[in-house]
Amino acid sequence: MNESKLIPARDAAICWFCDGERRGGAFAVVEVHVFHKRDIRSGGAANAIWRRPAAMTHGCVFSDWMNGMPTMTPEWIFSELMIFHGFADSRVAEKAVAEFAKIDTCAWARAMVPRDLPERPQLHWRWAPPG
């Protein structure tokens, strides 16, 4: 990813959508988007997605975002999506990692983004019951 096109973390607008069915006690994430704050404004390129009724949003829309609070960082949001909600399947998880890779402070996500890999089958993840 071109470093000059990365979104500064302080300007990152994060939104996600969950399915309407409960899976294992939580709604599963089915779609994740990361935008620059200018793109979510009225008339912006991402405004239609950002304003969808089911959108759950976080990031630069909060005054405490990136101001030292541990729950106001891209890493915390990603962990909330993964642990609290869970991803509907492995393709959604990979797309979420790729979306977070757009943020300048998320080198961890850029290191995880698969590149030049053959098409992989869709996997449905679930926790194994305690043994």
C-alpha atoms as a PDB file:
ATOM      1  CA  MET A   1       0.000   0.000   0.000  1.00  0.00           C
ATOM      2  CA  ASN A   2       1.289   3.434  -0.925  1.00  0.00           C
ATOM      3  CA  GLU A   3       2.290   5.151   2.331  1.00  0.00           C
ATOM      4  CA  SER A   4       1.213   8.574   1.012  1.00  0.00           C
ATOM      5  CA  LYS A   5      -2.367   7.322   0.582  1.00  0.00           C
ATOM      6  CA  LEU A   6      -2.734   6.076   4.146  1.00  0.00           C
ATOM      7  CA  ILE A   7      -5.423   7.681   6.274  1.00  0.00           C
ATOM      8  CA  PRO A   8      -4.030   9.450   9.363  1.00  0.00           C
ATOM      9  CA  ALA A   9      -5.477   7.619  12.380  1.00  0.00           C
ATOM     10  CA  ARG A  10      -6.901  10.866  13.777  1.00  0.00           C
ATOM     11  CA  ASP A  11      -8.948  11.227  10.538  1.00  0.00           C
ATOM     12  CA  ALA A  12     -10.125   7.604  10.324  1.00  0.00           C
ATOM     13  CA  ALA A  13     -13.874   7.002  10.231  1.00  0.00           C
ATOM     14  CA  ILE A  14     -14.725   3.339  10.855  1.00  0.00           C
ATOM     15  CA  CYS A  15     -18.103   1.769  10.198  1.00  0.00           C
ATOM     16  CA  TRP A  16     -19.378  -1.770  10.211  1.00  0.00           C
ATOM     17  CA  PHE A  17     -22.552  -3.727   9.711  1.00  0.00           C
ATOM     18  CA  CYS A  18     -23.743  -6.843  11.492  1.00  0.00           C
ATOM     19  CA  ASP A  19     -26.124  -9.507  10.307  1.00  0.00           C
ATOM     20  CA  GLY A  20     -29.597  -9.672  11.729  1.00  0.00           C
ATOM     21  CA  GLU A  21     -29.242 -13.167  13.137  1.00  0.00           C
ATOM     22  CA  ARG A  22     -27.572 -14.009  16.407  1.00  0.00           C
ATOM     23  CA  ARG A  23     -24.598 -16.339  16.170  1.00  0.00           C
ATOM     24  CA  GLY A  24     -23.195 -17.616  19.416  1.00  0.00           C
ATOM     25  CA  GLY A  25     -24.768 -14.817  21.445  1.00  0.00           C
ATOM     26  CA  ALA A  26     -23.564 -11.834  19.379  1.00  0.00           C
ATOM     27  CA  PHE A  27     -24.292 -10.278  16.027  1.00  0.00           C
ATOM     28  CA  ALA A  28     -21.632 -11.244  13.475  1.00  0.00           C
ATOM     29  CA  VAL A  29     -19.860  -8.527  11.485  1.00  0.00           C
ATOM     30  CA  VAL A  30     -20.619  -8.868   7.764  1.00  0.00           C
ATOM     31  CA  GLU A  31     -19.064  -5.671   6.387  1.00  0.00           C
ATOM     32  CA  VAL A  32     -16.328  -3.222   7.503  1.00  0.00           C
ATOM     33  CA  HIS A  33     -15.287   0.099   5.974  1.00  0.00           C
ATOM     34  CA  VAL A  34     -12.579   2.620   6.860  1.00  0.00           C
ATOM     35  CA  PHE A  35     -12.854   6.089   5.359  1.00  0.00           C
ATOM     36  CA  HIS A  36     -11.144   9.446   5.629  1.00  0.00           C
ATOM     37  CA  LYS A  37     -13.368  11.857   7.568  1.00  0.00           C
ATOM     38  CA  ARG A  38     -13.756  14.138   4.534  1.00  0.00           C
ATOM     39  CA  ASP A  39     -15.446  11.262   2.656  1.00  0.00           C
ATOM     40  CA  ILE A  40     -18.267  10.820   5.192  1.00  0.00           C
ATOM     41  CA  ARG A  41     -19.444  14.427   4.996  1.00  0.00           C
ATOM     42  CA  SER A  42     -22.584  15.286   3.082  1.00  0.00           C
ATOM     43  CA  GLY A  43     -21.776  14.839  -0.594  1.00  0.00           C
ATOM     44  CA  GLY A  44     -18.628  12.834   0.230  1.00  0.00           C
ATOM     45  CA  ALA A  45     -17.697   9.639  -1.586  1.00  0.00           C
ATOM     46  CA  ALA A  46     -18.564   7.432   1.413  1.00  0.00           C
ATOM     47  CA  ASN A  47     -21.557   9.325   2.798  1.00  0.00           C
ATOM     48  CA  ALA A  48     -24.123   6.856   1.416  1.00  0.00           C
ATOM     49  CA  ILE A  49     -22.450   3.940   3.206  1.00  0.00           C
ATOM     50  CA  TRP A  50     -21.817   5.928   6.403  1.00  0.00           C
ATOM     51  CA  ARG A  51     -25.451   7.067   6.601  1.00  0.00           C
ATOM     52  CA  ARG A  52     -27.051   3.652   6.051  1.00  0.00           C
ATOM     53  CA  PRO A  53     -29.509   3.036   8.911  1.00  0.00           C
ATOM     54  CA  ALA A  54     -27.761  -0.107  10.189  1.00  0.00           C
ATOM     55  CA  ALA A  55     -24.245   1.419  10.212  1.00  0.00           C
ATOM     56  CA  MET A  56     -22.358   1.237  13.480  1.00  0.00           C
ATOM     57  CA  THR A  57     -19.737   3.966  13.533  1.00  0.00           C
ATOM     58  CA  HIS A  58     -16.628   4.905  15.448  1.00  0.00           C
ATOM     59  CA  GLY A  59     -13.381   6.773  15.005  1.00  0.00           C
ATOM     60  CA  CYS A  60     -12.877  10.448  14.290  1.00  0.00           C
ATOM     61  CA  VAL A  61     -16.530  11.241  14.979  1.00  0.00           C
ATOM     62  CA  PHE A  62     -15.709  11.069  18.711  1.00  0.00           C
ATOM     63  CA  SER A  63     -13.903  13.954  20.420  1.00  0.00           C
ATOM     64  CA  ASP A  64     -11.801  11.513  22.503  1.00  0.00           C
ATOM     65  CA  TRP A  65     -10.588   9.636  19.412  1.00  0.00           C
ATOM     66  CA  MET A  66      -6.781   9.175  19.417  1.00  0.00           C
ATOM     67  CA  ASN A  67      -6.381  11.319  22.549  1.00  0.00           C
ATOM     68  CA  GLY A  68      -4.784   8.726  24.809  1.00  0.00           C
ATOM     69  CA  MET A  69      -7.790   6.652  25.836  1.00  0.00           C
ATOM     70  CA  PRO A  70      -7.174   2.928  25.253  1.00  0.00           C
ATOM     71  CA  THR A  71     -10.703   2.425  23.889  1.00  0.00           C
ATOM     72  CA  MET A  72     -10.305   5.179  21.313  1.00  0.00           C
ATOM     73  CA  THR A  73      -7.807   3.611  18.880  1.00  0.00           C
ATOM     74  CA  PRO A  74      -8.105   1.598  15.674  1.00  0.00           C
ATOM     75  CA  GLU A  75      -6.606  -1.434  17.446  1.00  0.00           C
ATOM     76  CA  TRP A  76      -9.287  -1.372  20.108  1.00  0.00           C
ATOM     77  CA  ILE A  77     -12.056  -1.066  17.515  1.00  0.00           C
ATOM     78  CA  PHE A  78     -10.655  -3.997  15.545  1.00  0.00           C
ATOM     79  CA  SER A  79     -10.457  -6.106  18.699  1.00  0.00           C
ATOM     80  CA  GLU A  80     -14.053  -5.185  19.542  1.00  0.00           C
ATOM     81  CA  LEU A  81     -15.173  -6.317  16.095  1.00  0.00           C
ATOM     82  CA  MET A  82     -13.228  -9.555  16.341  1.00  0.00           C
ATOM     83  CA  ILE A  83     -13.875 -10.498  19.961  1.00  0.00           C
ATOM     84  CA  PHE A  84     -17.210  -8.931  20.931  1.00  0.00           C
ATOM     85  CA  HIS A  85     -19.069  -9.282  17.627  1.00  0.00           C
ATOM     86  CA  GLY A  86     -17.022 -11.812  15.626  1.00  0.00           C
ATOM     87  CA  PHE A  87     -16.779 -11.943  11.845  1.00  0.00           C
ATOM     88  CA  ALA A  88     -19.409 -13.794   9.834  1.00  0.00           C
ATOM     89  CA  ASP A  89     -16.705 -15.693   7.917  1.00  0.00           C
ATOM     90  CA  SER A  90     -13.040 -15.590   6.961  1.00  0.00           C
ATOM     91  CA  ARG A  91     -13.591 -13.372   3.902  1.00  0.00           C
ATOM     92  CA  VAL A  92     -15.204 -10.697   6.051  1.00  0.00           C
ATOM     93  CA  ALA A  93     -12.269 -10.966   8.469  1.00  0.00           C
ATOM     94  CA  GLU A  94      -9.731 -10.584   5.645  1.00  0.00           C
ATOM     95  CA  LYS A  95     -11.595  -7.585   4.233  1.00  0.00           C
ATOM     96  CA  ALA A  96     -11.690  -6.005   7.702  1.00  0.00           C
ATOM     97  CA  VAL A  97      -7.918  -6.414   8.057  1.00  0.00           C
ATOM     98  CA  ALA A  98      -7.471  -4.853   4.594  1.00  0.00           C
ATOM     99  CA  GLU A  99      -9.719  -1.936   5.563  1.00  0.00           C
ATOM    100  CA  PHE A 100      -7.772  -1.272   8.783  1.00  0.00           C
ATOM    101  CA  ALA A 101      -4.546  -1.466   6.733  1.00  0.00           C
ATOM    102  CA  LYS A 102      -5.592   1.882   5.210  1.00  0.00           C
ATOM    103  CA  ILE A 103      -4.871   3.599   8.561  1.00  0.00           C
ATOM    104  CA  ASP A 104      -1.342   4.935   8.995  1.00  0.00           C
ATOM    105  CA  THR A 105      -0.862   3.520  12.516  1.00  0.00           C
ATOM    106  CA  CYS A 106      -2.063   0.026  11.544  1.00  0.00           C
ATOM    107  CA  ALA A 107       1.178  -1.486  10.237  1.00  0.00           C
ATOM    108  CA  TRP A 108       0.041  -4.690  11.972  1.00  0.00           C
ATOM    109  CA  ALA A 109      -2.887  -4.891   9.528  1.00  0.00           C
ATOM    110  CA  ARG A 110      -0.723  -4.146   6.479  1.00  0.00           C
ATOM    111  CA  ALA A 111       1.606  -6.980   7.559  1.00  0.00           C
ATOM    112  CA  MET A 112      -1.408  -9.327   7.687  1.00  0.00           C
ATOM    113  CA  VAL A 113      -3.025  -8.426   4.342  1.00  0.00           C
ATOM    114  CA  PRO A 114      -2.707 -11.401   1.998  1.00  0.00           C
ATOM    115  CA  ARG A 115      -1.015 -10.534  -1.297  1.00  0.00           C
ATOM    116  CA  ASP A 116      -0.883 -12.543  -4.499  1.00  0.00           C
ATOM    117  CA  LEU A 117      -2.483 -15.596  -2.950  1.00  0.00           C
ATOM    118  CA  PRO A 118      -4.739 -17.989  -4.845  1.00  0.00           C
ATOM    119  CA  GLU A 119      -8.452 -17.831  -4.112  1.00  0.00           C
ATOM    120  CA  ARG A 120      -9.090 -19.511  -0.797  1.00  0.00           C
ATOM    121  CA  PRO A 121     -12.272 -21.235   0.292  1.00  0.00           C
ATOM    122  CA  GLN A 122     -14.639 -19.381   2.567  1.00  0.00           C
ATOM    123  CA  LEU A 123     -14.338 -20.624   6.138  1.00  0.00           C
ATOM    124  CA  HIS A 124     -16.806 -20.249   8.967  1.00  0.00           C
ATOM    125  CA  TRP A 125     -14.995 -19.837  12.275  1.00  0.00           C
ATOM    126  CA  ARG A 126     -16.349 -20.987  15.592  1.00  0.00           C
ATOM    127  CA  TRP A 127     -14.836 -21.648  18.971  1.00  0.00           C
ATOM    128  CA  ALA A 128     -14.346 -25.279  19.896  1.00  0.00           C
ATOM    129  CA  PRO A 129     -16.184 -26.290  23.070  1.00  0.00           C
ATOM    130  CA  PRO A 130     -13.954 -26.685  26.132  1.00  0.00           C
ATOM    131  CA  GLY A 131     -12.547 -30.146  26.240  1.00  0.00           C
END
